[in-house]
């Protein structure tokens, strides 16, 4: 494995940016995931740092959508409409 100072610095910046605003973000994220897919943030298997690294440049709705697409999740509305 090659050491990459840029990656290390990026990760360090992400860690430093995990503050109370991110706590609120992850609370909202869990709510959105629960409403849309019946899971919460802990169920995603991501750490906060991993989530921000992967989805941090997206809006909350876009991040949830991209996560759902990546893991082929079925929205709860599909089950409710199918009844």
PDB file of N, CA and C in Angstrom:
ATOM      1  N   UNK A   1       0.842  -1.172   0.000  1.00  0.00           N
ATOM      2  CA  UNK A   1       0.000   0.000   0.000  1.00  0.00           C
ATOM      3  C   UNK A   1       0.889   1.238   0.000  1.00  0.00           C
ATOM      4  N   UNK A   2       0.553   2.203  -0.807  1.00  0.00           N
ATOM      5  CA  UNK A   2       1.321   3.432  -0.909  1.00  0.00           C
ATOM      6  C   UNK A   2       0.719   4.496   0.007  1.00  0.00           C
ATOM      7  N   UNK A   3       1.575   5.176   0.728  1.00  0.00           N
ATOM      8  CA  UNK A   3       1.132   6.263   1.600  1.00  0.00           C
ATOM      9  C   UNK A   3       0.862   7.481   0.743  1.00  0.00           C
ATOM     10  N   UNK A   4      -0.309   8.069   0.894  1.00  0.00           N
ATOM     11  CA  UNK A   4      -0.686   9.242   0.132  1.00  0.00           C
ATOM     12  C   UNK A   4      -0.995  10.369   1.107  1.00  0.00           C
ATOM     13  N   UNK A   5      -0.123  11.372   1.149  1.00  0.00           N
ATOM     14  CA  UNK A   5      -0.293  12.483   2.085  1.00  0.00           C
ATOM     15  C   UNK A   5      -1.575  13.253   1.821  1.00  0.00           C
ATOM     16  N   UNK A   6      -1.970  13.365   0.576  1.00  0.00           N
ATOM     17  CA  UNK A   6      -3.195  14.089   0.240  1.00  0.00           C
ATOM     18  C   UNK A   6      -4.409  13.386   0.834  1.00  0.00           C
ATOM     19  N   UNK A   7      -4.473  12.059   0.705  1.00  0.00           N
ATOM     20  CA  UNK A   7      -5.582  11.303   1.292  1.00  0.00           C
ATOM     21  C   UNK A   7      -5.605  11.462   2.804  1.00  0.00           C
ATOM     22  N   UNK A   8      -4.446  11.427   3.403  1.00  0.00           N
ATOM     23  CA  UNK A   8      -4.363  11.582   4.859  1.00  0.00           C
ATOM     24  C   UNK A   8      -4.877  12.954   5.268  1.00  0.00           C
ATOM     25  N   UNK A   9      -4.457  13.983   4.554  1.00  0.00           N
ATOM     26  CA  UNK A   9      -4.905  15.343   4.866  1.00  0.00           C
ATOM     27  C   UNK A   9      -6.414  15.472   4.653  1.00  0.00           C
ATOM     28  N   UNK A  10      -6.933  14.874   3.615  1.00  0.00           N
ATOM     29  CA  UNK A  10      -8.376  14.919   3.365  1.00  0.00           C
ATOM     30  C   UNK A  10      -9.132  14.257   4.492  1.00  0.00           C
ATOM     31  N   UNK A  11      -8.654  13.106   4.933  1.00  0.00           N
ATOM     32  CA  UNK A  11      -9.309  12.402   6.037  1.00  0.00           C
ATOM     33  C   UNK A  11      -9.222  13.211   7.329  1.00  0.00           C
ATOM     34  N   UNK A  12      -8.087  13.855   7.552  1.00  0.00           N
ATOM     35  CA  UNK A  12      -7.919  14.673   8.743  1.00  0.00           C
ATOM     36  C   UNK A  12      -8.900  15.850   8.734  1.00  0.00           C
ATOM     37  N   UNK A  13      -9.070  16.474   7.586  1.00  0.00           N
ATOM     38  CA  UNK A  13     -10.032  17.572   7.467  1.00  0.00           C
ATOM     39  C   UNK A  13     -11.439  17.068   7.744  1.00  0.00           C
ATOM     40  N   UNK A  14     -11.784  15.891   7.218  1.00  0.00           N
ATOM     41  CA  UNK A  14     -13.109  15.318   7.471  1.00  0.00           C
ATOM     42  C   UNK A  14     -13.327  15.075   8.952  1.00  0.00           C
ATOM     43  N   UNK A  15     -12.328  14.539   9.625  1.00  0.00           N
ATOM     44  CA  UNK A  15     -12.444  14.271  11.054  1.00  0.00           C
ATOM     45  C   UNK A  15     -12.638  15.572  11.822  1.00  0.00           C
ATOM     46  N   UNK A  16     -11.890  16.586  11.461  1.00  0.00           N
ATOM     47  CA  UNK A  16     -11.984  17.867  12.159  1.00  0.00           C
ATOM     48  C   UNK A  16     -13.331  18.543  11.919  1.00  0.00           C
ATOM     49  N   UNK A  17     -13.960  18.255  10.801  1.00  0.00           N
ATOM     50  CA  UNK A  17     -15.235  18.870  10.478  1.00  0.00           C
ATOM     51  C   UNK A  17     -16.433  18.146  11.091  1.00  0.00           C
ATOM     52  N   UNK A  18     -16.207  17.032  11.757  1.00  0.00           N
ATOM     53  CA  UNK A  18     -17.305  16.317  12.414  1.00  0.00           C
ATOM     54  C   UNK A  18     -17.625  17.039  13.721  1.00  0.00           C
ATOM     55  N   UNK A  19     -18.548  17.948  13.651  1.00  0.00           N
ATOM     56  CA  UNK A  19     -18.909  18.738  14.814  1.00  0.00           C
ATOM     57  C   UNK A  19     -20.410  18.647  15.048  1.00  0.00           C
ATOM     58  N   UNK A  20     -20.940  19.574  15.837  1.00  0.00           N
ATOM     59  CA  UNK A  20     -22.361  19.499  16.178  1.00  0.00           C
ATOM     60  C   UNK A  20     -23.259  19.629  14.967  1.00  0.00           C
ATOM     61  N   UNK A  21     -22.812  20.337  13.934  1.00  0.00           N
ATOM     62  CA  UNK A  21     -23.630  20.453  12.729  1.00  0.00           C
ATOM     63  C   UNK A  21     -23.756  19.097  12.039  1.00  0.00           C
ATOM     64  N   UNK A  22     -22.686  18.335  12.061  1.00  0.00           N
ATOM     65  CA  UNK A  22     -22.744  17.003  11.472  1.00  0.00           C
ATOM     66  C   UNK A  22     -23.613  16.077  12.309  1.00  0.00           C
ATOM     67  N   UNK A  23     -23.643  16.281  13.616  1.00  0.00           N
ATOM     68  CA  UNK A  23     -24.541  15.479  14.457  1.00  0.00           C
ATOM     69  C   UNK A  23     -25.979  15.694  14.005  1.00  0.00           C
ATOM     70  N   UNK A  24     -26.335  16.942  13.765  1.00  0.00           N
ATOM     71  CA  UNK A  24     -27.682  17.252  13.289  1.00  0.00           C
ATOM     72  C   UNK A  24     -27.915  16.625  11.916  1.00  0.00           C
ATOM     73  N   UNK A  25     -26.902  16.691  11.048  1.00  0.00           N
ATOM     74  CA  UNK A  25     -27.010  16.100   9.720  1.00  0.00           C
ATOM     75  C   UNK A  25     -27.293  14.602   9.820  1.00  0.00           C
ATOM     76  N   UNK A  26     -26.560  13.908  10.676  1.00  0.00           N
ATOM     77  CA  UNK A  26     -26.735  12.454  10.791  1.00  0.00           C
ATOM     78  C   UNK A  26     -28.062  12.086  11.454  1.00  0.00           C
ATOM     79  N   UNK A  27     -28.573  12.944  12.314  1.00  0.00           N
ATOM     80  CA  UNK A  27     -29.912  12.734  12.859  1.00  0.00           C
ATOM     81  C   UNK A  27     -30.954  12.840  11.746  1.00  0.00           C
ATOM     82  N   UNK A  28     -30.833  13.881  10.911  1.00  0.00           N
ATOM     83  CA  UNK A  28     -31.750  14.052   9.781  1.00  0.00           C
ATOM     84  C   UNK A  28     -31.596  12.915   8.771  1.00  0.00           C
ATOM     85  N   UNK A  29     -30.361  12.498   8.551  1.00  0.00           N
ATOM     86  CA  UNK A  29     -30.094  11.392   7.633  1.00  0.00           C
ATOM     87  C   UNK A  29     -30.785  10.121   8.119  1.00  0.00           C
ATOM     88  N   UNK A  30     -30.658   9.827   9.403  1.00  0.00           N
ATOM     89  CA  UNK A  30     -31.318   8.639   9.954  1.00  0.00           C
ATOM     90  C   UNK A  30     -32.825   8.721   9.783  1.00  0.00           C
ATOM     91  N   UNK A  31     -33.386   9.903  10.017  1.00  0.00           N
ATOM     92  CA  UNK A  31     -34.829  10.083   9.841  1.00  0.00           C
ATOM     93  C   UNK A  31     -35.244   9.844   8.397  1.00  0.00           C
ATOM     94  N   UNK A  32     -34.471  10.398   7.463  1.00  0.00           N
ATOM     95  CA  UNK A  32     -34.785  10.251   6.042  1.00  0.00           C
ATOM     96  C   UNK A  32     -34.670   8.780   5.617  1.00  0.00           C
ATOM     97  N   UNK A  33     -33.625   8.110   6.064  1.00  0.00           N
ATOM     98  CA  UNK A  33     -33.458   6.689   5.743  1.00  0.00           C
ATOM     99  C   UNK A  33     -34.596   5.864   6.326  1.00  0.00           C
ATOM    100  N   UNK A  34     -35.006   6.196   7.539  1.00  0.00           N
ATOM    101  CA  UNK A  34     -36.097   5.474   8.203  1.00  0.00           C
ATOM    102  C   UNK A  34     -37.402   5.664   7.436  1.00  0.00           C
ATOM    103  N   UNK A  35     -37.691   6.901   7.054  1.00  0.00           N
ATOM    104  CA  UNK A  35     -38.922   7.205   6.320  1.00  0.00           C
ATOM    105  C   UNK A  35     -38.945   6.541   4.941  1.00  0.00           C
ATOM    106  N   UNK A  36     -37.792   6.522   4.295  1.00  0.00           N
ATOM    107  CA  UNK A  36     -37.748   6.037   2.915  1.00  0.00           C
ATOM    108  C   UNK A  36     -37.484   4.542   2.784  1.00  0.00           C
ATOM    109  N   UNK A  37     -36.643   3.993   3.685  1.00  0.00           N
ATOM    110  CA  UNK A  37     -36.189   2.606   3.507  1.00  0.00           C
ATOM    111  C   UNK A  37     -36.251   1.745   4.769  1.00  0.00           C
ATOM    112  N   UNK A  38     -36.800   2.307   5.844  1.00  0.00           N
ATOM    113  CA  UNK A  38     -36.964   1.560   7.094  1.00  0.00           C
ATOM    114  C   UNK A  38     -35.622   1.105   7.687  1.00  0.00           C
ATOM    115  N   UNK A  39     -34.586   1.920   7.492  1.00  0.00           N
ATOM    116  CA  UNK A  39     -33.280   1.683   8.116  1.00  0.00           C
ATOM    117  C   UNK A  39     -32.829   3.004   8.737  1.00  0.00           C
ATOM    118  N   UNK A  40     -31.826   2.932   9.601  1.00  0.00           N
ATOM    119  CA  UNK A  40     -31.246   4.169  10.123  1.00  0.00           C
ATOM    120  C   UNK A  40     -29.782   4.233   9.704  1.00  0.00           C
ATOM    121  N   UNK A  41     -29.108   5.302  10.101  1.00  0.00           N
ATOM    122  CA  UNK A  41     -27.719   5.467   9.670  1.00  0.00           C
ATOM    123  C   UNK A  41     -26.848   4.303  10.117  1.00  0.00           C
ATOM    124  N   UNK A  42     -27.024   3.821  11.330  1.00  0.00           N
ATOM    125  CA  UNK A  42     -26.207   2.701  11.823  1.00  0.00           C
ATOM    126  C   UNK A  42     -26.353   1.469  10.932  1.00  0.00           C
ATOM    127  N   UNK A  43     -27.524   1.290  10.343  1.00  0.00           N
ATOM    128  CA  UNK A  43     -27.766   0.141   9.472  1.00  0.00           C
ATOM    129  C   UNK A  43     -26.994   0.216   8.158  1.00  0.00           C
ATOM    130  N   UNK A  44     -26.517   1.405   7.791  1.00  0.00           N
ATOM    131  CA  UNK A  44     -25.809   1.553   6.508  1.00  0.00           C
ATOM    132  C   UNK A  44     -24.455   0.863   6.515  1.00  0.00           C
ATOM    133  N   UNK A  45     -23.873   0.689   7.706  1.00  0.00           N
ATOM    134  CA  UNK A  45     -22.542   0.091   7.785  1.00  0.00           C
ATOM    135  C   UNK A  45     -21.419   1.089   7.577  1.00  0.00           C
ATOM    136  N   UNK A  46     -21.761   2.345   7.354  1.00  0.00           N
ATOM    137  CA  UNK A  46     -20.761   3.391   7.180  1.00  0.00           C
ATOM    138  C   UNK A  46     -20.467   4.062   8.513  1.00  0.00           C
ATOM    139  N   UNK A  47     -19.236   4.523   8.680  1.00  0.00           N
ATOM    140  CA  UNK A  47     -18.940   5.444   9.767  1.00  0.00           C
ATOM    141  C   UNK A  47     -19.293   6.838   9.265  1.00  0.00           C
ATOM    142  N   UNK A  48     -19.357   7.806  10.166  1.00  0.00           N
ATOM    143  CA  UNK A  48     -19.644   9.171   9.744  1.00  0.00           C
ATOM    144  C   UNK A  48     -18.590   9.663   8.756  1.00  0.00           C
ATOM    145  N   UNK A  49     -17.346   9.351   9.021  1.00  0.00           N
ATOM    146  CA  UNK A  49     -16.251   9.783   8.145  1.00  0.00           C
ATOM    147  C   UNK A  49     -16.389   9.143   6.767  1.00  0.00           C
ATOM    148  N   UNK A  50     -16.687   7.859   6.728  1.00  0.00           N
ATOM    149  CA  UNK A  50     -16.868   7.179   5.439  1.00  0.00           C
ATOM    150  C   UNK A  50     -18.039   7.770   4.664  1.00  0.00           C
ATOM    151  N   UNK A  51     -19.140   8.048   5.368  1.00  0.00           N
ATOM    152  CA  UNK A  51     -20.319   8.610   4.695  1.00  0.00           C
ATOM    153  C   UNK A  51     -19.987   9.969   4.081  1.00  0.00           C
ATOM    154  N   UNK A  52     -19.329  10.808   4.865  1.00  0.00           N
ATOM    155  CA  UNK A  52     -18.977  12.139   4.373  1.00  0.00           C
ATOM    156  C   UNK A  52     -18.019  12.042   3.193  1.00  0.00           C
ATOM    157  N   UNK A  53     -17.071  11.119   3.277  1.00  0.00           N
ATOM    158  CA  UNK A  53     -16.126  10.943   2.168  1.00  0.00           C
ATOM    159  C   UNK A  53     -16.844  10.506   0.896  1.00  0.00           C
ATOM    160  N   UNK A  54     -17.858   9.684   1.035  1.00  0.00           N
ATOM    161  CA  UNK A  54     -18.573   9.140  -0.136  1.00  0.00           C
ATOM    162  C   UNK A  54     -19.714  10.035  -0.612  1.00  0.00           C
ATOM    163  N   UNK A  55     -20.479  10.588   0.319  1.00  0.00           N
ATOM    164  CA  UNK A  55     -21.698  11.315  -0.031  1.00  0.00           C
ATOM    165  C   UNK A  55     -21.716  12.771   0.434  1.00  0.00           C
ATOM    166  N   UNK A  56     -20.641  13.236   1.034  1.00  0.00           N
ATOM    167  CA  UNK A  56     -20.610  14.557   1.642  1.00  0.00           C
ATOM    168  C   UNK A  56     -20.815  15.726   0.707  1.00  0.00           C
ATOM    169  N   UNK A  57     -20.564  15.525  -0.571  1.00  0.00           N
ATOM    170  CA  UNK A  57     -20.737  16.620  -1.523  1.00  0.00           C
ATOM    171  C   UNK A  57     -22.157  16.691  -2.074  1.00  0.00           C
ATOM    172  N   UNK A  58     -23.035  15.819  -1.611  1.00  0.00           N
ATOM    173  CA  UNK A  58     -24.417  15.765  -2.096  1.00  0.00           C
ATOM    174  C   UNK A  58     -25.372  16.330  -1.049  1.00  0.00           C
ATOM    175  N   UNK A  59     -26.532  16.766  -1.509  1.00  0.00           N
ATOM    176  CA  UNK A  59     -27.581  17.158  -0.565  1.00  0.00           C
ATOM    177  C   UNK A  59     -28.034  15.902   0.174  1.00  0.00           C
ATOM    178  N   UNK A  60     -28.766  16.097   1.240  1.00  0.00           N
ATOM    179  CA  UNK A  60     -29.257  14.963   2.025  1.00  0.00           C
ATOM    180  C   UNK A  60     -30.095  14.018   1.163  1.00  0.00           C
ATOM    181  N   UNK A  61     -31.026  14.576   0.413  1.00  0.00           N
ATOM    182  CA  UNK A  61     -31.883  13.743  -0.447  1.00  0.00           C
ATOM    183  C   UNK A  61     -31.079  13.020  -1.516  1.00  0.00           C
ATOM    184  N   UNK A  62     -30.120  13.721  -2.109  1.00  0.00           N
ATOM    185  CA  UNK A  62     -29.283  13.086  -3.134  1.00  0.00           C
ATOM    186  C   UNK A  62     -28.430  11.973  -2.534  1.00  0.00           C
ATOM    187  N   UNK A  63     -27.900  12.204  -1.341  1.00  0.00           N
ATOM    188  CA  UNK A  63     -27.070  11.196  -0.682  1.00  0.00           C
ATOM    189  C   UNK A  63     -27.876   9.935  -0.390  1.00  0.00           C
ATOM    190  N   UNK A  64     -29.083  10.106   0.120  1.00  0.00           N
ATOM    191  CA  UNK A  64     -29.944   8.951   0.408  1.00  0.00           C
ATOM    192  C   UNK A  64     -30.283   8.224  -0.885  1.00  0.00           C
ATOM    193  N   UNK A  65     -30.594   8.972  -1.923  1.00  0.00           N
ATOM    194  CA  UNK A  65     -30.918   8.365  -3.217  1.00  0.00           C
ATOM    195  C   UNK A  65     -29.725   7.581  -3.760  1.00  0.00           C
ATOM    196  N   UNK A  66     -28.543   8.177  -3.733  1.00  0.00           N
ATOM    197  CA  UNK A  66     -27.334   7.501  -4.239  1.00  0.00           C
ATOM    198  C   UNK A  66     -27.018   6.251  -3.424  1.00  0.00           C
ATOM    199  N   UNK A  67     -27.168   6.335  -2.106  1.00  0.00           N
ATOM    200  CA  UNK A  67     -26.943   5.167  -1.262  1.00  0.00           C
ATOM    201  C   UNK A  67     -27.921   4.051  -1.637  1.00  0.00           C
ATOM    202  N   UNK A  68     -29.176   4.424  -1.785  1.00  0.00           N
ATOM    203  CA  UNK A  68     -30.211   3.436  -2.126  1.00  0.00           C
ATOM    204  C   UNK A  68     -29.941   2.804  -3.488  1.00  0.00           C
ATOM    205  N   UNK A  69     -29.489   3.599  -4.442  1.00  0.00           N
ATOM    206  CA  UNK A  69     -29.163   3.071  -5.766  1.00  0.00           C
ATOM    207  C   UNK A  69     -27.973   2.108  -5.682  1.00  0.00           C
ATOM    208  N   UNK A  70     -26.965   2.503  -4.928  1.00  0.00           N
ATOM    209  CA  UNK A  70     -25.754   1.683  -4.783  1.00  0.00           C
ATOM    210  C   UNK A  70     -26.074   0.296  -4.235  1.00  0.00           C
ATOM    211  N   UNK A  71     -27.020   0.230  -3.294  1.00  0.00           N
ATOM    212  CA  UNK A  71     -27.347  -1.036  -2.645  1.00  0.00           C
ATOM    213  C   UNK A  71     -28.698  -1.599  -3.073  1.00  0.00           C
ATOM    214  N   UNK A  72     -29.244  -1.026  -4.138  1.00  0.00           N
ATOM    215  CA  UNK A  72     -30.481  -1.535  -4.738  1.00  0.00           C
ATOM    216  C   UNK A  72     -31.611  -1.674  -3.705  1.00  0.00           C
ATOM    217  N   UNK A  73     -31.800  -0.620  -2.913  1.00  0.00           N
ATOM    218  CA  UNK A  73     -32.856  -0.636  -1.894  1.00  0.00           C
ATOM    219  C   UNK A  73     -34.206  -0.310  -2.530  1.00  0.00           C
ATOM    220  N   UNK A  74     -35.235  -0.920  -2.007  1.00  0.00           N
ATOM    221  CA  UNK A  74     -36.600  -0.665  -2.471  1.00  0.00           C
ATOM    222  C   UNK A  74     -37.264   0.308  -1.502  1.00  0.00           C
ATOM    223  N   UNK A  75     -37.764   1.435  -2.008  1.00  0.00           N
ATOM    224  CA  UNK A  75     -38.420   2.396  -1.116  1.00  0.00           C
ATOM    225  C   UNK A  75     -39.685   1.809  -0.490  1.00  0.00           C
ATOM    226  N   UNK A  76     -39.977   2.236   0.721  1.00  0.00           N
ATOM    227  CA  UNK A  76     -41.187   1.771   1.408  1.00  0.00           C
ATOM    228  C   UNK A  76     -42.439   2.082   0.592  1.00  0.00           C
ATOM    229  N   UNK A  77     -42.432   3.189  -0.130  1.00  0.00           N
ATOM    230  CA  UNK A  77     -43.613   3.558  -0.922  1.00  0.00           C
ATOM    231  C   UNK A  77     -43.934   2.486  -1.948  1.00  0.00           C
ATOM    232  N   UNK A  78     -42.934   1.780  -2.466  1.00  0.00           N
ATOM    233  CA  UNK A  78     -43.201   0.699  -3.422  1.00  0.00           C
ATOM    234  C   UNK A  78     -43.995  -0.435  -2.765  1.00  0.00           C
ATOM    235  N   UNK A  79     -43.704  -0.686  -1.494  1.00  0.00           N
ATOM    236  CA  UNK A  79     -44.454  -1.737  -0.782  1.00  0.00           C
ATOM    237  C   UNK A  79     -45.859  -1.274  -0.452  1.00  0.00           C
ATOM    238  N   UNK A  80     -45.974  -0.018  -0.057  1.00  0.00           N
ATOM    239  CA  UNK A  80     -47.285   0.526   0.311  1.00  0.00           C
ATOM    240  C   UNK A  80     -48.205   0.631  -0.890  1.00  0.00           C
ATOM    241  N   UNK A  81     -47.660   1.001  -2.037  1.00  0.00           N
ATOM    242  CA  UNK A  81     -48.469   1.125  -3.249  1.00  0.00           C
ATOM    243  C   UNK A  81     -48.842  -0.227  -3.810  1.00  0.00           C
ATOM    244  N   UNK A  82     -48.034  -1.237  -3.514  1.00  0.00           N
ATOM    245  CA  UNK A  82     -48.291  -2.575  -4.014  1.00  0.00           C
ATOM    246  C   UNK A  82     -49.383  -3.321  -3.267  1.00  0.00           C
ATOM    247  N   UNK A  83     -49.803  -2.766  -2.124  1.00  0.00           N
ATOM    248  CA  UNK A  83     -50.811  -3.449  -1.291  1.00  0.00           C
ATOM    249  C   UNK A  83     -52.203  -3.310  -1.859  1.00  0.00           C
TER     250      UNK A  83
END
